[in-house]
Amino acid sequence: MIDLHNHLLPGIDDGAPDLDTALELARIAVADGITHLVCTPHIHPGRYDNTPATIQAAHGQFVAALAQVGIPLQVATAAEVRFGAELMQGIAQGSIPFLGEWQDRKVLLLEFPHGEIPFAAERMTDWLLQRNILPMIAHPERNKGIMRTPSRLKPFIEQGCLLQVTAGSVAGSFGPAAQAIAHDLLQQGLVSILASDAHNVDYRPPILTDGLQQAAQLIGEAQAEALVLQTPWQIAQGHFQ
């Protein structure tokens, strides 16, 4: 399986705090059947001021350690980018890492504030789309604004934005409200990929199989497998060539 949203890179955001933890998370991922990761540390101005340089430095350290201890995991990098005016500046400067490509457009993993969908946020996604950048909305099922009003997601779906749902949400790890929205999105055929959004060993490990099994019960094994294998590979394969 291929995991396109996780926080395994050591020491640069609220994910793995150090290299030992990153390696432990990598072992969990491999045991779960994950073969490829695109690590997506936060770019959140004022909180996690990551740049391509900080991300590449952490990536180099992680890859070297994986090789040294013999963990068979292919690792590339992108970022989970926070919604805000700084995003437009980052795009203009070429300092925003992309998740990959989908139908000849660059894919950006876009995170909204957890408590809401910002007013007129669809103007920002439209701005990105006009620049041939396709937003993939991170974990919409866990956004409190969407929990309150699921129809807030509709404009982004109509624009053609992709949706990344957390595998743990499908399995119920984030509570019944997130699970209900995740299941509904799956049954409507609106989920682009499932990803772990792994942050730590105990509560948010890099595990996809629990969510995959639940998804298979809802939409069938072939469609569920596409969410963790074929579609993620189509998006991210350029990172691994």
Protein backbone atom coordinates (compact mmCIF):
# COMPACT_ATOMS: atom_id res chain seq x y z
CA MET A 1 0.00 0.00 0.00
CA ILE A 2 1.00 3.63 -0.50
CA ASP A 3 0.45 6.25 2.20
CA LEU A 4 0.31 9.84 0.94
CA HIS A 5 -0.33 11.68 4.22
CA ASN A 6 1.76 11.11 7.34
CA HIS A 7 4.11 12.86 9.72
CA LEU A 8 7.02 10.43 10.04
CA LEU A 9 9.88 12.81 9.25
CA PRO A 10 11.75 13.33 12.52
CA GLY A 11 11.74 16.55 14.47
CA ILE A 12 10.10 19.05 12.14
CA ASP A 13 6.43 19.16 13.17
CA ASP A 14 4.00 17.50 15.62
CA GLY A 15 4.74 14.03 14.24
CA ALA A 16 7.79 11.91 15.04
CA PRO A 17 9.86 13.93 17.56
CA ASP A 18 13.11 12.10 16.83
CA LEU A 19 14.76 9.55 14.57
CA ASP A 20 14.14 6.57 16.86
CA THR A 21 10.41 7.26 16.85
CA ALA A 22 10.41 7.73 13.08
CA LEU A 23 12.04 4.32 12.67
CA GLU A 24 9.54 2.70 15.03
CA LEU A 25 6.71 4.23 12.99
CA ALA A 26 8.36 2.96 9.81
CA ARG A 27 8.42 -0.58 11.22
CA ILE A 28 4.70 -0.33 12.02
CA ALA A 29 3.99 0.88 8.48
CA VAL A 30 5.92 -1.98 6.88
CA ALA A 31 4.20 -4.53 9.15
CA ASP A 32 0.85 -3.13 7.99
CA GLY A 33 1.78 -3.68 4.34
CA ILE A 34 2.82 -0.13 3.44
CA THR A 35 5.65 -0.12 0.88
CA HIS A 36 5.82 3.57 -0.09
CA LEU A 37 5.34 6.76 1.92
CA VAL A 38 5.13 10.34 0.84
CA CYS A 39 5.89 12.17 4.07
CA THR A 40 3.85 15.34 4.44
CA PRO A 41 5.11 17.55 7.28
CA HIS A 42 3.07 20.62 8.09
CA ILE A 43 3.75 23.92 6.42
CA HIS A 44 1.83 26.20 8.77
CA PRO A 45 3.29 29.71 8.92
CA GLY A 46 4.03 30.84 12.44
CA ARG A 47 3.70 27.33 13.82
CA TYR A 48 5.65 24.98 11.55
CA ASP A 49 7.75 27.13 9.26
CA ASN A 50 8.97 24.28 7.11
CA THR A 51 10.57 24.85 3.73
CA PRO A 52 11.76 22.49 0.99
CA ALA A 53 15.20 22.72 2.62
CA THR A 54 14.10 21.69 6.13
CA ILE A 55 11.97 18.90 4.68
CA GLN A 56 14.79 17.57 2.50
CA ALA A 57 17.23 17.62 5.41
CA ALA A 58 14.88 15.53 7.58
CA HIS A 59 14.20 13.23 4.63
CA GLY A 60 17.89 12.61 4.06
CA GLN A 61 18.41 11.73 7.71
CA PHE A 62 15.39 9.39 7.70
CA VAL A 63 16.30 7.58 4.47
CA ALA A 64 19.87 7.00 5.63
CA ALA A 65 18.64 5.55 8.91
CA LEU A 66 16.10 3.29 7.17
CA ALA A 67 18.88 1.89 5.00
CA GLN A 68 21.21 1.45 7.97
CA VAL A 69 18.73 -0.65 9.96
CA GLY A 70 17.31 -2.45 6.91
CA ILE A 71 13.69 -1.26 6.93
CA PRO A 72 12.30 -1.83 3.41
CA LEU A 73 10.32 1.37 2.95
CA GLN A 74 10.46 3.78 0.02
CA VAL A 75 10.13 7.37 1.25
CA ALA A 76 9.53 10.60 -0.64
CA THR A 77 8.36 14.03 0.55
CA ALA A 78 5.70 16.65 -0.02
CA ALA A 79 3.86 18.73 2.61
CA GLU A 80 0.49 19.30 4.24
CA VAL A 81 -0.04 22.98 3.54
CA ARG A 82 -2.21 25.16 5.76
CA PHE A 83 -4.89 27.31 4.13
CA GLY A 84 -3.95 31.01 4.22
CA ALA A 85 -2.69 33.98 2.26
CA GLU A 86 0.90 32.75 2.68
CA LEU A 87 0.02 29.79 0.46
CA MET A 88 -0.44 32.10 -2.53
CA GLN A 89 2.95 33.66 -1.84
CA GLY A 90 4.55 30.24 -1.53
CA ILE A 91 3.08 29.14 -4.86
CA ALA A 92 4.35 32.30 -6.52
CA GLN A 93 7.84 31.72 -5.07
CA GLY A 94 7.90 28.03 -5.98
CA SER A 95 8.45 27.02 -2.36
CA ILE A 96 5.47 24.68 -1.92
CA PRO A 97 6.14 20.94 -2.33
CA PHE A 98 3.48 19.01 -4.23
CA LEU A 99 2.09 15.56 -3.51
CA GLY A 100 2.33 14.52 -7.15
CA GLU A 101 0.21 14.84 -10.26
CA TRP A 102 -3.29 13.86 -11.27
CA GLN A 103 -4.54 14.24 -14.85
CA ASP A 104 -1.65 16.56 -15.75
CA ARG A 105 -2.19 18.86 -12.77
CA LYS A 106 -0.01 19.22 -9.71
CA VAL A 107 -1.67 17.95 -6.52
CA LEU A 108 -1.45 20.03 -3.33
CA LEU A 109 -2.38 18.52 0.05
CA LEU A 110 -4.40 21.37 1.57
CA GLU A 111 -5.36 21.58 5.23
CA PHE A 112 -8.18 23.82 6.45
CA PRO A 113 -8.34 25.03 10.09
CA HIS A 114 -9.74 22.17 12.17
CA GLY A 115 -12.67 24.11 13.56
CA GLU A 116 -14.15 25.51 10.37
CA ILE A 117 -14.05 25.98 6.65
CA PRO A 118 -12.91 29.60 6.19
CA PHE A 119 -15.35 32.01 4.59
CA ALA A 120 -15.03 32.01 0.78
CA ALA A 121 -12.37 29.29 0.94
CA GLU A 122 -13.54 28.12 -2.47
CA ARG A 123 -12.02 31.31 -3.93
CA MET A 124 -8.60 30.08 -2.84
CA THR A 125 -9.16 26.62 -4.30
CA ASP A 126 -10.39 28.24 -7.51
CA TRP A 127 -7.23 30.38 -7.57
CA LEU A 128 -5.16 27.20 -7.30
CA LEU A 129 -7.17 25.42 -9.98
CA GLN A 130 -6.67 28.34 -12.37
CA ARG A 131 -2.92 27.76 -11.95
CA ASN A 132 -3.22 24.07 -12.85
CA ILE A 133 -2.89 23.05 -9.18
CA LEU A 134 -5.43 20.53 -7.92
CA PRO A 135 -6.18 20.79 -4.19
CA MET A 136 -6.53 17.56 -2.27
CA ILE A 137 -8.42 18.45 0.91
CA ALA A 138 -6.87 16.73 3.93
CA HIS A 139 -9.20 14.80 6.28
CA PRO A 140 -12.45 16.71 5.54
CA GLU A 141 -14.38 14.22 7.67
CA ARG A 142 -12.57 15.48 10.79
CA ASN A 143 -13.23 19.18 10.18
CA LYS A 144 -15.70 20.51 12.75
CA GLY A 145 -17.27 22.89 10.24
CA ILE A 146 -18.05 19.98 7.92
CA MET A 147 -19.25 17.88 10.86
CA ARG A 148 -21.75 20.65 11.67
CA THR A 149 -22.71 21.29 8.06
CA PRO A 150 -21.62 18.54 5.64
CA SER A 151 -22.87 20.63 2.70
CA ARG A 152 -19.87 22.97 3.25
CA LEU A 153 -17.87 20.43 1.30
CA LYS A 154 -20.09 20.67 -1.77
CA PRO A 155 -18.43 23.66 -3.52
CA PHE A 156 -15.03 21.96 -3.40
CA ILE A 157 -16.43 18.72 -4.77
CA GLU A 158 -18.14 20.64 -7.57
CA GLN A 159 -14.82 22.35 -8.40
CA GLY A 160 -13.21 18.94 -8.76
CA CYS A 161 -11.01 19.03 -5.65
CA LEU A 162 -9.75 15.66 -4.44
CA LEU A 163 -10.56 14.36 -0.96
CA GLN A 164 -8.15 12.51 1.35
CA VAL A 165 -9.98 10.66 4.10
CA THR A 166 -8.12 9.27 7.12
CA ALA A 167 -8.16 5.46 7.32
CA GLY A 168 -8.59 5.71 11.09
CA SER A 169 -11.75 7.77 10.61
CA VAL A 170 -13.28 4.99 8.51
CA ALA A 171 -12.43 2.51 11.29
CA GLY A 172 -13.93 4.73 14.01
CA SER A 173 -10.72 5.92 15.68
CA PHE A 174 -11.77 9.59 15.54
CA GLY A 175 -15.29 9.06 16.89
CA PRO A 176 -18.72 8.38 15.44
CA ALA A 177 -19.24 11.75 13.77
CA ALA A 178 -16.06 11.54 11.69
CA GLN A 179 -16.76 7.89 10.94
CA ALA A 180 -20.27 8.66 9.71
CA ILE A 181 -19.01 11.36 7.33
CA ALA A 182 -16.16 9.14 6.13
CA HIS A 183 -18.58 6.30 5.39
CA ASP A 184 -20.98 8.65 3.62
CA LEU A 185 -18.20 10.06 1.42
CA LEU A 186 -17.06 6.54 0.56
CA GLN A 187 -20.55 5.42 -0.38
CA GLN A 188 -20.99 8.50 -2.57
CA GLY A 189 -17.74 7.67 -4.37
CA LEU A 190 -16.18 10.99 -3.37
CA VAL A 191 -13.04 9.73 -1.59
CA SER A 192 -9.88 10.01 -3.69
CA ILE A 193 -7.47 8.23 -1.33
CA LEU A 194 -7.25 6.83 2.17
CA ALA A 195 -4.13 7.78 4.14
CA SER A 196 -2.92 7.29 7.69
CA ASP A 197 -2.14 10.88 8.78
CA ALA A 198 0.15 9.10 11.25
CA HIS A 199 1.67 11.22 14.02
CA ASN A 200 2.74 8.82 16.77
CA VAL A 201 3.03 5.21 17.86
CA ASP A 202 0.26 4.96 20.44
CA TYR A 203 -2.74 6.91 19.14
CA ARG A 204 -2.12 7.67 15.47
CA PRO A 205 0.13 4.99 13.96
CA PRO A 206 0.74 4.51 10.22
CA ILE A 207 -1.91 1.84 9.74
CA LEU A 208 -4.21 1.61 6.74
CA THR A 209 -5.61 -1.94 6.97
CA ASP A 210 -8.29 -1.26 9.61
CA GLY A 211 -9.83 1.49 7.51
CA LEU A 212 -9.30 -0.48 4.31
CA GLN A 213 -11.25 -3.45 5.67
CA GLN A 214 -14.16 -1.23 6.72
CA ALA A 215 -14.11 0.52 3.36
CA ALA A 216 -14.18 -2.84 1.56
CA GLN A 217 -17.38 -3.74 3.42
CA LEU A 218 -18.97 -0.50 2.22
CA ILE A 219 -17.78 -0.21 -1.38
CA GLY A 220 -16.23 -3.57 -2.25
CA GLU A 221 -12.65 -4.79 -2.15
CA ALA A 222 -11.59 -3.55 -5.58
CA GLN A 223 -12.75 0.03 -5.03
CA ALA A 224 -11.31 0.10 -1.52
CA GLU A 225 -7.95 -1.19 -2.70
CA ALA A 226 -7.79 1.54 -5.36
CA LEU A 227 -7.85 4.12 -2.53
CA VAL A 228 -4.62 2.80 -0.99
CA LEU A 229 -2.82 1.47 -4.05
CA GLN A 230 -3.73 2.40 -7.61
CA THR A 231 -4.81 6.03 -7.12
CA PRO A 232 -2.04 6.96 -4.67
CA TRP A 233 0.49 5.41 -7.03
CA GLN A 234 -0.87 7.33 -10.02
CA ILE A 235 -0.52 10.56 -8.05
CA ALA A 236 2.88 9.98 -6.47
CA GLN A 237 4.75 7.68 -8.83
CA GLY A 238 6.91 10.56 -10.11
CA HIS A 239 8.51 10.75 -6.65
CA PHE A 240 9.75 7.18 -6.91
CA GLN A 241 11.20 7.01 -10.43
